[in-house]
Protein backbone atom coordinates (compact mmCIF):
# COMPACT_ATOMS: atom_id res chain seq x y z
CA MET A 1 0.00 0.00 0.00
CA THR A 2 1.55 3.27 -1.10
CA THR A 3 0.60 6.89 -0.88
CA THR A 4 1.17 9.58 -3.45
CA SER A 5 1.54 13.30 -3.24
CA PRO A 6 -1.20 15.44 -4.76
CA SER A 7 1.20 16.68 -7.41
CA ASP A 8 1.70 13.09 -8.59
CA VAL A 9 -1.98 12.60 -9.37
CA ARG A 10 -3.01 16.00 -10.74
CA PRO A 11 -1.58 16.38 -14.26
CA ASP A 12 -2.48 19.32 -16.41
CA PRO A 13 -5.88 18.61 -17.97
CA PRO A 14 -5.51 18.18 -21.71
CA HIS A 15 -9.02 19.46 -22.42
CA SER A 16 -8.47 22.95 -21.04
CA PRO A 17 -5.64 24.79 -22.82
CA SER A 18 -6.49 28.19 -21.31
CA PRO A 19 -7.56 28.13 -17.66
CA SER A 20 -10.88 29.78 -16.88
CA SER A 21 -11.49 31.92 -13.81
CA ASP A 22 -13.06 28.85 -12.17
CA ASP A 23 -9.90 26.85 -12.85
CA ARG A 24 -7.69 29.63 -11.51
CA SER A 25 -9.87 29.79 -8.40
CA LEU A 26 -9.32 26.08 -7.86
CA ALA A 27 -5.57 26.58 -8.28
CA GLU A 28 -5.63 28.99 -5.32
CA PHE A 29 -6.48 26.00 -3.13
CA GLY A 30 -3.53 24.03 -4.51
CA TYR A 31 -5.38 21.84 -7.02
CA ARG A 32 -5.31 21.54 -10.80
CA GLN A 33 -8.46 21.20 -12.86
CA GLU A 34 -8.91 17.52 -13.73
CA LEU A 35 -12.64 16.88 -13.57
CA HIS A 36 -14.41 18.27 -16.63
CA ARG A 37 -16.22 21.51 -15.81
CA SER A 38 -19.45 21.09 -17.78
CA LEU A 39 -22.36 21.50 -15.32
CA GLY A 40 -24.66 24.50 -15.42
CA ARG A 41 -27.12 25.76 -12.82
CA TYR A 42 -29.86 23.20 -13.52
CA ALA A 43 -27.36 20.33 -13.56
CA SER A 44 -26.03 21.52 -10.20
CA PHE A 45 -29.58 21.68 -8.85
CA ALA A 46 -30.20 18.19 -10.24
CA ALA A 47 -27.16 16.84 -8.37
CA GLY A 48 -28.60 17.94 -5.03
CA PHE A 49 -32.23 17.16 -5.81
CA SER A 50 -31.49 13.68 -7.19
CA PHE A 51 -29.48 12.78 -4.06
CA ILE A 52 -32.44 13.83 -1.91
CA SER A 53 -34.80 12.16 -4.43
CA VAL A 54 -38.07 12.86 -2.72
CA LEU A 55 -39.94 10.09 -4.56
CA THR A 56 -37.33 7.46 -3.70
CA THR A 57 -37.13 8.23 -0.03
CA VAL A 58 -40.77 9.08 0.69
CA PHE A 59 -41.95 5.86 -0.95
CA GLN A 60 -39.24 3.92 0.87
CA PHE A 61 -39.91 5.21 4.40
CA PHE A 62 -43.55 6.34 4.42
CA ALA A 63 -44.74 2.97 5.73
CA PHE A 64 -42.19 3.06 8.54
CA GLY A 65 -43.16 6.57 9.66
CA TYR A 66 -46.87 5.76 9.59
CA SER A 67 -46.49 2.45 11.43
CA PHE A 68 -44.92 4.22 14.42
CA GLY A 69 -46.57 7.63 14.35
CA GLY A 70 -49.89 7.28 12.58
CA PRO A 71 -51.21 10.38 10.77
CA VAL A 72 -49.54 12.70 13.27
CA PHE A 73 -46.10 11.70 11.97
CA PHE A 74 -46.71 14.28 9.22
CA TRP A 75 -45.75 17.06 11.65
CA ALA A 76 -42.23 15.73 11.99
CA TRP A 77 -41.77 16.76 8.36
CA PRO A 78 -41.82 20.57 8.72
CA ALA A 79 -39.72 20.32 11.89
CA VAL A 80 -36.96 18.40 10.08
CA LEU A 81 -37.20 20.70 7.05
CA VAL A 82 -36.60 23.79 9.18
CA GLY A 83 -33.66 22.12 10.92
CA GLN A 84 -32.06 21.05 7.66
CA LEU A 85 -32.57 24.48 6.11
CA LEU A 86 -30.47 25.89 8.96
CA VAL A 87 -27.70 23.43 8.11
CA ALA A 88 -28.06 24.13 4.38
CA ALA A 89 -27.72 27.87 4.96
CA CYS A 90 -24.36 27.28 6.66
CA PHE A 91 -23.28 24.99 3.84
CA ALA A 92 -24.29 27.60 1.25
CA GLU A 93 -21.85 30.07 2.84
CA LEU A 94 -19.06 27.48 2.75
CA ALA A 95 -19.82 26.38 -0.82
CA ALA A 96 -19.33 29.97 -1.94
CA ARG A 97 -15.94 30.17 -0.25
CA TYR A 98 -14.60 26.67 -0.85
CA PRO A 99 -15.83 25.43 -4.27
CA ILE A 100 -13.97 22.12 -4.02
CA SER A 101 -14.96 18.46 -4.46
CA GLY A 102 -15.16 16.53 -1.21
CA ALA A 103 -17.12 19.36 0.37
CA ILE A 104 -17.55 18.01 3.92
CA TYR A 105 -13.93 16.88 4.14
CA GLN A 106 -12.58 20.10 2.65
CA TRP A 107 -14.77 22.40 4.74
CA SER A 108 -14.12 20.62 8.03
CA SER A 109 -10.35 20.44 7.39
CA ARG A 110 -10.14 24.17 6.74
CA LEU A 111 -12.36 25.12 9.67
CA SER A 112 -10.74 22.84 12.27
CA THR A 113 -7.67 20.63 11.87
CA PRO A 114 -6.55 18.19 9.16
CA THR A 115 -7.14 15.24 11.51
CA PHE A 116 -10.65 16.32 12.50
CA GLY A 117 -11.46 17.08 8.87
CA TRP A 118 -10.16 13.68 7.82
CA PHE A 119 -12.53 11.92 10.22
CA ALA A 120 -15.40 14.09 8.97
CA GLY A 121 -14.62 13.02 5.41
CA TRP A 122 -14.12 9.38 6.44
CA ILE A 123 -17.47 9.23 8.24
CA MET A 124 -19.17 11.06 5.37
CA VAL A 125 -17.87 8.82 2.60
CA ILE A 126 -18.76 5.65 4.50
CA GLY A 127 -22.19 7.11 5.17
CA GLN A 128 -22.58 7.89 1.47
CA ILE A 129 -21.69 4.33 0.53
CA VAL A 130 -24.36 3.07 2.94
CA VAL A 131 -26.85 5.56 1.44
CA VAL A 132 -26.11 4.11 -2.00
CA ALA A 133 -27.06 0.67 -0.70
CA ALA A 134 -30.16 1.99 1.06
CA ALA A 135 -31.35 3.83 -2.06
CA ALA A 136 -30.91 0.73 -4.22
CA LEU A 137 -33.06 -1.25 -1.78
CA ALA A 138 -35.98 1.11 -2.50
CA LEU A 139 -36.73 -0.71 -5.75
CA GLN A 140 -38.39 -3.43 -3.70
CA MET A 141 -41.05 -0.96 -2.55
CA VAL A 142 -42.08 -0.25 -6.16
CA LEU A 143 -41.15 -2.83 -8.82
CA PRO A 144 -43.17 -5.81 -7.47
CA ALA A 145 -46.17 -3.48 -7.13
CA ILE A 146 -45.88 -2.72 -10.85
CA TRP A 147 -45.46 -6.34 -11.95
CA SER A 148 -45.22 -9.50 -9.86
CA GLY A 149 -42.51 -10.77 -12.22
CA PHE A 150 -40.06 -8.43 -10.53
CA GLN A 151 -40.34 -10.63 -7.44
CA LEU A 152 -37.39 -12.80 -8.43
CA VAL A 153 -36.96 -14.43 -5.01
CA GLY A 154 -39.89 -16.12 -3.27
CA THR A 155 -43.45 -14.83 -3.34
CA ASP A 156 -43.84 -12.26 -0.54
CA PRO A 157 -42.85 -8.75 -1.78
CA ALA A 158 -43.05 -7.06 1.63
CA PRO A 159 -39.54 -5.74 2.46
CA THR A 160 -40.05 -6.87 6.06
CA SER A 161 -40.35 -10.50 4.93
CA ALA A 162 -37.45 -12.85 4.19
CA ASP A 163 -38.47 -13.11 0.52
CA GLY A 164 -38.88 -9.37 0.13
CA ALA A 165 -35.56 -8.61 1.81
CA ALA A 166 -33.66 -11.08 -0.38
CA ASN A 167 -35.36 -9.82 -3.54
CA ALA A 168 -34.53 -6.23 -2.57
CA ALA A 169 -30.87 -7.19 -2.43
CA VAL A 170 -30.99 -8.83 -5.87
CA LEU A 171 -32.73 -5.85 -7.49
CA GLY A 172 -30.36 -3.47 -5.71
CA VAL A 173 -27.24 -5.22 -6.99
CA LEU A 174 -28.57 -5.12 -10.56
CA LEU A 175 -29.18 -1.39 -10.22
CA LEU A 176 -25.69 -0.82 -8.82
CA VAL A 177 -24.16 -2.49 -11.88
CA LEU A 178 -25.92 0.05 -14.10
CA THR A 179 -25.08 3.11 -11.98
CA THR A 180 -21.44 2.07 -11.70
CA LEU A 181 -21.25 1.78 -15.47
CA VAL A 182 -22.67 5.30 -15.92
CA ASN A 183 -20.23 6.64 -13.33
CA VAL A 184 -17.26 5.52 -15.41
CA VAL A 185 -18.53 6.55 -18.85
CA ASP A 186 -18.50 10.36 -18.97
CA ASN A 187 -19.66 13.16 -16.69
CA ARG A 188 -21.75 14.61 -19.51
CA VAL A 189 -23.67 11.33 -19.79
CA MET A 190 -24.07 11.24 -16.01
CA SER A 191 -25.28 14.85 -15.99
CA LEU A 192 -27.75 14.23 -18.83
CA ILE A 193 -29.27 11.22 -17.05
CA ASN A 194 -29.46 13.26 -13.86
CA ARG A 195 -31.22 16.18 -15.53
CA VAL A 196 -33.70 14.03 -17.40
CA GLY A 197 -34.37 11.93 -14.31
CA VAL A 198 -34.87 14.94 -12.04
CA THR A 199 -37.22 16.57 -14.55
CA ALA A 200 -39.26 13.35 -14.73
CA GLU A 201 -39.24 13.10 -10.93
CA ILE A 202 -40.47 16.67 -10.42
CA ILE A 203 -43.24 16.20 -13.00
CA GLY A 204 -44.19 12.88 -11.43
CA ALA A 205 -44.17 14.33 -7.92
CA VAL A 206 -46.46 17.19 -8.94
CA LEU A 207 -48.84 14.76 -10.67
CA ILE A 208 -48.90 12.49 -7.63
CA ILE A 209 -49.66 15.43 -5.35
CA VAL A 210 -52.49 16.72 -7.58
CA LEU A 211 -54.04 13.27 -8.02
CA LEU A 212 -53.80 12.37 -4.34
CA LEU A 213 -55.30 15.68 -3.22
CA THR A 214 -58.14 15.39 -5.76
CA HIS A 215 -58.89 11.86 -4.52
CA SER A 216 -58.96 12.81 -0.84
CA GLU A 217 -61.07 10.68 1.47
CA ARG A 218 -60.68 12.94 4.50
CA THR A 219 -59.58 16.44 5.56
CA PRO A 220 -56.11 17.60 6.72
CA SER A 221 -57.40 17.61 10.30
CA ILE A 222 -56.61 13.89 10.29
CA THR A 223 -52.96 14.81 10.90
CA PHE A 224 -53.91 15.85 14.44
CA HIS A 225 -55.44 12.47 15.30
CA THR A 226 -53.40 10.52 17.80
CA GLU A 227 -55.54 7.40 18.09
CA GLY A 228 -53.52 4.22 17.97
CA ILE A 229 -50.23 5.88 18.89
CA PRO A 230 -48.00 3.16 20.44
CA GLN A 231 -46.84 3.08 24.02
CA ASN A 232 -44.06 5.54 23.19
CA GLY A 233 -46.63 8.35 23.41
CA LEU A 234 -47.05 11.30 21.09
CA PHE A 235 -43.55 12.72 21.56
CA GLY A 236 -41.93 9.32 21.07
CA ALA A 237 -44.05 8.74 17.97
CA LEU A 238 -42.89 12.03 16.50
CA LEU A 239 -39.25 11.25 17.27
CA ILE A 240 -39.47 7.91 15.46
CA GLY A 241 -41.71 9.33 12.73
CA SER A 242 -39.03 11.95 12.05
CA PHE A 243 -36.84 9.16 10.62
CA THR A 244 -38.80 9.42 7.37
CA ALA A 245 -38.17 13.14 6.94
CA ALA A 246 -34.57 12.82 8.18
CA TYR A 247 -33.84 10.16 5.57
CA VAL A 248 -35.42 12.20 2.79
CA MET A 249 -33.71 15.53 3.47
CA ILE A 250 -30.04 14.62 3.26
CA GLY A 251 -27.57 15.03 0.42
CA PHE A 252 -28.33 18.64 -0.45
CA ASP A 253 -24.59 19.28 -0.09
CA SER A 254 -24.08 17.33 -3.35
CA ALA A 255 -24.15 20.61 -5.26
CA GLY A 256 -20.99 21.48 -3.31
CA GLU A 257 -19.51 18.05 -4.06
CA MET A 258 -19.83 18.80 -7.78
CA SER A 259 -18.25 22.28 -7.53
CA GLU A 260 -15.18 21.36 -9.57
CA GLU A 261 -17.46 20.31 -12.42
CA THR A 262 -19.77 23.34 -12.20
CA HIS A 263 -19.47 26.64 -14.03
CA ASN A 264 -19.21 29.61 -11.64
CA PRO A 265 -19.64 27.39 -8.54
CA ARG A 266 -19.22 30.22 -6.02
CA ARG A 267 -22.58 31.61 -7.09
CA THR A 268 -24.25 28.49 -8.42
CA ALA A 269 -23.64 25.97 -5.61
CA PRO A 270 -25.07 28.06 -2.72
CA ARG A 271 -28.30 28.67 -4.63
CA THR A 272 -28.73 25.09 -5.71
CA ILE A 273 -28.03 23.73 -2.21
CA LEU A 274 -30.92 25.79 -0.85
CA THR A 275 -33.30 25.37 -3.78
CA ALA A 276 -32.78 21.60 -3.98
CA LEU A 277 -33.59 21.18 -0.29
CA GLY A 278 -36.48 23.65 -0.40
CA ALA A 279 -38.07 22.05 -3.46
CA ALA A 280 -37.67 18.52 -2.11
CA GLY A 281 -38.99 19.53 1.31
CA LEU A 282 -42.11 21.14 -0.15
CA LEU A 283 -42.88 18.34 -2.60
CA GLY A 284 -42.20 15.61 -0.06
CA GLY A 285 -44.41 17.18 2.58
CA LEU A 286 -47.29 17.49 0.14
CA ILE A 287 -46.86 13.86 -0.99
CA VAL A 288 -46.99 12.66 2.63
CA LEU A 289 -50.08 14.76 3.28
CA GLY A 290 -51.73 13.61 0.03
CA GLY A 291 -51.05 9.97 0.90
CA LEU A 292 -52.73 10.36 4.28
CA LEU A 293 -55.74 12.10 2.77
CA ALA A 294 -56.24 9.71 -0.17
CA ALA A 295 -55.57 6.36 1.52
CA PRO A 296 -58.67 4.11 1.31
CA SER A 297 -58.23 3.25 4.97
CA LEU A 298 -55.98 4.36 7.81
CA THR A 299 -56.72 1.32 9.95
CA ASP A 300 -56.59 -1.75 7.69
CA GLY A 301 -52.83 -2.13 8.17
CA HIS A 302 -51.81 -1.53 4.54
CA LEU A 303 -50.32 1.94 5.10
CA GLY A 304 -47.90 0.64 7.70
CA VAL A 305 -46.69 -2.18 5.43
CA ASP A 306 -47.17 -1.24 1.76
CA GLY A 307 -47.00 2.54 2.15
CA LEU A 308 -47.63 4.89 -0.73
CA SER A 309 -47.51 2.20 -3.42
CA TYR A 310 -50.73 0.84 -1.90
CA VAL A 311 -52.32 4.31 -1.94
CA LEU A 312 -51.49 4.95 -5.60
CA THR A 313 -52.71 1.64 -6.98
CA SER A 314 -55.82 1.43 -4.79
CA SER A 315 -56.93 5.07 -4.99
CA LEU A 316 -55.94 5.93 -8.55
CA GLY A 317 -56.45 2.55 -10.17
CA ASP A 318 -53.88 0.08 -11.44
CA GLY A 319 -53.30 1.89 -14.74
CA VAL A 320 -52.53 5.38 -13.48
CA GLY A 321 -50.99 4.10 -10.29
CA LYS A 322 -48.50 1.88 -12.09
CA VAL A 323 -47.52 4.62 -14.52
CA LEU A 324 -46.68 6.86 -11.57
CA LEU A 325 -44.84 4.01 -9.88
CA ALA A 326 -42.74 3.64 -13.03
CA ASP A 327 -41.74 7.28 -12.60
CA VAL A 328 -40.72 6.43 -9.03
CA VAL A 329 -38.47 3.67 -10.44
CA VAL A 330 -36.73 6.30 -12.58
CA ALA A 331 -36.29 8.48 -9.50
CA ILE A 332 -34.77 5.59 -7.54
CA ALA A 333 -32.31 4.80 -10.32
CA VAL A 334 -31.25 8.44 -10.70
CA ALA A 335 -30.97 8.86 -6.92
CA THR A 336 -28.69 5.84 -6.63
CA LEU A 337 -26.57 7.23 -9.47
CA ALA A 338 -26.32 10.69 -7.87
CA ILE A 339 -25.43 9.37 -4.43
CA GLN A 340 -22.76 7.10 -5.89
CA THR A 341 -21.36 10.08 -7.82
CA ALA A 342 -21.16 12.17 -4.62
CA ALA A 343 -19.35 9.35 -2.81
CA CYS A 344 -16.91 9.05 -5.74
CA ARG A 345 -16.07 12.75 -5.52
CA MET A 346 -15.43 12.46 -1.78
CA LEU A 347 -13.08 9.50 -2.28
CA PHE A 348 -11.32 11.36 -5.10
CA SER A 349 -10.89 14.52 -3.02
CA MET A 350 -9.41 12.69 -0.03
CA ALA A 351 -7.23 10.46 -2.19
CA ARG A 352 -5.56 13.30 -4.12
CA ASP A 353 -4.43 14.66 -0.74
CA GLY A 354 -2.84 11.27 -0.06
CA GLN A 355 -5.32 10.68 2.76
CA LEU A 356 -6.62 7.20 1.83
CA PRO A 357 -5.17 3.75 1.16
CA PHE A 358 -4.33 3.25 -2.51
CA ALA A 359 -4.52 7.03 -2.94
CA ALA A 360 -2.71 7.11 -6.28
CA ARG A 361 -5.25 4.80 -7.91
CA LEU A 362 -8.31 6.44 -6.31
CA ALA A 363 -7.16 9.93 -7.30
CA ARG A 364 -6.62 9.07 -10.94
CA VAL A 365 -9.00 10.81 -13.38
CA ASN A 366 -9.56 9.49 -16.86
CA PRO A 367 -8.55 12.48 -19.05
CA ARG A 368 -11.02 11.47 -21.78
CA THR A 369 -14.12 11.05 -19.61
CA GLY A 370 -13.25 13.38 -16.75
CA MET A 371 -14.39 10.68 -14.31
CA PRO A 372 -12.45 9.05 -11.44
CA THR A 373 -13.00 5.39 -12.39
CA ALA A 374 -11.58 3.56 -9.37
CA PRO A 375 -13.81 5.34 -6.80
CA ALA A 376 -16.91 4.38 -8.82
CA LEU A 377 -15.90 0.71 -8.77
CA VAL A 378 -15.06 0.81 -5.05
CA VAL A 379 -18.33 2.50 -4.06
CA GLY A 380 -20.38 0.14 -6.22
CA ALA A 381 -18.67 -2.98 -4.85
CA LEU A 382 -18.92 -1.92 -1.19
CA ALA A 383 -22.58 -0.89 -1.53
CA ALA A 384 -23.37 -4.24 -3.16
CA ALA A 385 -21.61 -6.04 -0.30
CA LEU A 386 -23.81 -4.19 2.20
CA LEU A 387 -26.91 -5.37 0.35
CA LEU A 388 -25.96 -8.94 1.19
CA LEU A 389 -26.98 -8.20 4.79
CA ASN A 390 -30.56 -8.32 3.57
CA PHE A 391 -30.17 -12.05 2.99
CA ALA A 392 -29.39 -12.45 6.69
CA SER A 393 -32.52 -10.75 8.01
CA PRO A 394 -35.28 -8.33 6.91
CA GLU A 395 -34.29 -6.06 9.81
CA ALA A 396 -31.15 -5.18 7.84
CA PHE A 397 -33.29 -2.92 5.61
CA LEU A 398 -34.01 -0.52 8.45
CA ALA A 399 -30.55 -0.89 10.00
CA ILE A 400 -28.86 0.11 6.73
CA GLY A 401 -31.27 3.01 6.16
CA THR A 402 -30.90 4.50 9.62
CA THR A 403 -27.14 4.00 9.80
CA CYS A 404 -26.53 6.05 6.68
CA ILE A 405 -28.62 8.94 8.03
CA VAL A 406 -26.70 8.97 11.31
CA MET A 407 -23.35 8.95 9.51
CA LEU A 408 -24.32 11.93 7.36
CA TYR A 409 -25.86 13.88 10.25
CA LEU A 410 -22.70 13.38 12.30
CA ALA A 411 -20.49 14.46 9.40
CA TYR A 412 -22.65 17.57 8.94
CA ALA A 413 -22.20 18.41 12.63
CA MET A 414 -18.44 18.08 12.16
CA VAL A 415 -18.72 21.04 9.80
CA THR A 416 -21.27 23.22 11.59
CA GLY A 417 -19.43 22.71 14.90
CA PRO A 418 -16.02 24.05 13.82
CA LEU A 419 -17.77 26.77 11.80
CA LEU A 420 -19.56 27.98 14.93
CA VAL A 421 -16.28 28.01 16.87
CA ARG A 422 -14.71 30.13 14.12
CA ARG A 423 -17.64 32.55 14.20
CA VAL A 424 -17.52 32.94 17.98
CA LYS A 425 -13.78 33.62 17.82
CA GLY A 426 -14.34 36.17 15.07
CA GLU A 427 -12.20 34.15 12.66
CA PHE A 428 -14.93 33.62 10.06
CA THR A 429 -16.39 36.62 8.30
CA SER A 430 -19.34 36.33 5.97
CA SER A 431 -18.36 39.14 3.62
CA GLY A 432 -16.57 38.44 0.38
CA THR A 433 -16.76 38.56 -3.41
CA ASP A 434 -16.06 36.12 -6.22
CA GLU A 435 -13.66 36.53 -9.13
CA THR A 436 -16.07 38.91 -10.89
CA GLY A 437 -16.57 41.09 -7.83
CA ALA A 438 -20.09 39.80 -7.12
CA ARG A 439 -21.01 39.40 -3.44
CA LEU A 440 -20.91 35.85 -2.10
CA PHE A 441 -23.86 34.29 -0.28
CA SER A 442 -23.82 35.45 3.32
CA LEU A 443 -25.94 35.03 6.45
CA GLY A 444 -24.60 38.32 7.79
CA ARG A 445 -25.47 39.03 11.41
CA TRP A 446 -27.74 35.97 11.46
CA GLY A 447 -24.76 33.70 10.93
CA THR A 448 -24.04 32.87 14.58
CA PRO A 449 -27.63 32.13 15.74
CA VAL A 450 -28.41 30.14 12.59
CA ASN A 451 -25.15 28.20 12.95
CA ALA A 452 -25.78 27.48 16.64
CA LEU A 453 -29.31 26.20 15.97
CA ALA A 454 -28.06 24.11 13.05
CA LEU A 455 -25.44 22.42 15.24
CA LEU A 456 -27.90 21.83 18.10
CA TYR A 457 -30.47 20.37 15.73
CA GLY A 458 -27.90 18.12 14.07
CA LEU A 459 -26.59 16.71 17.34
CA LEU A 460 -30.07 16.06 18.74
CA MET A 461 -31.18 14.31 15.57
CA THR A 462 -28.01 12.20 15.52
CA VAL A 463 -28.77 10.95 19.04
CA ASN A 464 -32.44 10.40 18.18
CA LEU A 465 -31.62 8.37 15.08
CA ALA A 466 -28.87 6.29 16.68
CA TRP A 467 -30.75 5.51 19.91
CA PRO A 468 -30.94 1.68 20.12
CA ARG A 469 -34.73 1.29 20.40
CA ALA A 470 -35.60 -2.41 20.47
CA THR A 471 -39.14 -1.72 19.17
CA VAL A 472 -37.64 -0.09 16.09
CA TYR A 473 -34.51 -2.08 15.26
CA ASP A 474 -35.31 -5.50 16.74
CA PRO A 475 -39.10 -5.84 16.88
CA ALA A 476 -38.98 -9.64 16.64
CA GLY A 477 -36.34 -9.89 19.38
CA GLY A 478 -33.22 -12.01 19.49
CA HIS A 479 -31.12 -9.79 17.19
CA TRP A 480 -29.24 -7.50 19.56
CA TYR A 481 -26.74 -6.70 16.81
CA PHE A 482 -29.49 -5.06 14.75
CA GLN A 483 -30.69 -3.07 17.77
CA TRP A 484 -27.16 -1.70 18.21
CA PHE A 485 -26.22 -1.86 14.53
CA THR A 486 -25.91 1.90 13.99
CA VAL A 487 -23.80 2.49 17.10
CA LEU A 488 -21.59 -0.52 16.38
CA PHE A 489 -21.17 0.40 12.70
CA LEU A 490 -20.14 3.93 13.64
CA LEU A 491 -17.65 2.73 16.27
CA VAL A 492 -16.13 0.18 13.90
CA SER A 493 -15.87 2.77 11.11
CA VAL A 494 -14.10 5.28 13.36
CA GLY A 495 -11.92 2.50 14.78
CA ILE A 496 -10.80 1.34 11.34
CA GLY A 497 -10.05 4.93 10.36
CA ALA A 498 -8.04 5.53 13.53
CA LEU A 499 -6.12 2.27 13.04
CA TRP A 500 -5.22 3.16 9.45
CA ARG A 501 -3.99 6.60 10.47
CA TRP A 502 -1.92 5.10 13.29
CA LEU A 503 -0.33 2.52 10.96
CA ARG A 504 0.32 5.25 8.42
CA ALA A 505 1.96 7.43 11.08
CA GLN A 506 4.15 4.51 12.19
CA ARG A 507 5.19 3.85 8.61
CA VAL A 508 6.07 7.49 8.05
CA HIS A 509 7.98 7.60 11.35
CA SER A 510 10.06 4.57 10.37
CA ALA A 511 10.57 5.77 6.78
CA PRO A 512 10.14 9.56 6.57
CA GLU A 513 11.13 9.62 2.91
CA LEU A 514 7.86 7.77 2.13
CA ALA A 515 5.66 10.41 3.76
CA PRO A 516 3.04 11.80 1.37
CA GLU A 517 3.32 15.45 0.48
CA ALA A 518 -0.26 16.11 1.51
CA ARG A 519 -1.32 19.25 3.33
CA GLU A 520 0.13 19.43 6.83
CA GLN A 521 -2.02 22.34 7.87
CA ALA A 522 -5.46 23.31 6.66
CA PRO A 523 -5.66 26.81 5.15
CA GLU A 524 -7.41 29.54 7.05
CA PRO A 525 -11.02 30.25 6.02
CA THR A 526 -11.52 32.83 3.32
CA PRO A 527 -12.16 36.16 5.05
């Protein structure tokens, strides 16, 4: 295992004979332009929106939220949206000042220390890989509802059954093969698929909302009904019901991940971070509300098992319902692609700093396609390996889904935390302009209170999501490892990272000439 200096893996890009202002801006951070800069504003928006993928995640977790919270779980949605908007506002400021791939890793390293930033990036990239697996599993919630022939394993399509869990893994692996292929072809192909998929998803989401609201069986007052809330009580139901919204509204930072491939990222990325989250939050909330209003029954048990797929096919008829479900399949495929792309950019960013095993290979960009090929293969293979857990037990579905949310929430807090410290010390100023003299996105005097609330929200949600509730993670009993899966996975991930850094330090100490020429000190934040 060898490490390589950033200069060894960043050759002059052959496709850009005269550096643009964006390329020169990247050079100020010590990097050369390797990824092809071809994304406009809508493509940047699509990167964030497709990671969030409101159709994928709402259809995947609606049944879970309803089974624990009943109709009242809807109110967890606006609460999570407000909290995530606070985080997104902080990220928008940072995206304007640090338009670099590997956003979480780069931001945290520059706001705190290289070691702290490394762990933020490490936790984030592992979380992203788990999100890829979780997104691929969502096909099981939709494809068998469209056609029973998609149930390749057994006969029971419910993801909580042994047959459904195994079939979800098979469908997920097939999807990962396709997304990995796209992620090594060309970033223009990837961007085109993203844009087309996001457009189809937005149109489909609007149609679903309109059709559900026009087929309402009850009034919005149903969201205040607390009958049938489990023994956890109303507050406990809302805490568990918030898992659905928390899982949906992550990944808006992907616009920052794609900064090195975006034209004028200092102005584009902050806007698209906020608009992607805002659009997804609004559409998702209306879909949840529409599903509650249009469901044929709230008490027959279908909503807590089959979720929104049941509502569409039963309320709108098989024909219309299945057409809309086909649109959801497109959304799931595009979401898996976008999440895998974001994870690839994080691996690439850390590797070119010599901060990962096999850094030279992971940091290599194909000059023809502008894509880092090795990270795509690594992310695809590791996500597919995680899917194999579904063969062990149906509970793996929820364990994988919740673990990825916790990892991302913790990584987000490892950015908002150091940012708040910088603000309090007066070392981070919101003023600034880009290369053209235009003002950068700024929270101004609201920066400190917004930042503080964002950090508090992120930490509380991390604890809420990771809390080892037996009723949630091990309802059948006898699987303590699923009850503690998130905590154990996080500890093992951090432990492996710490061990690798220790071994690397020992190797450098015994052979200093082999030390990578990576950054020894993170640059100060842009004033």
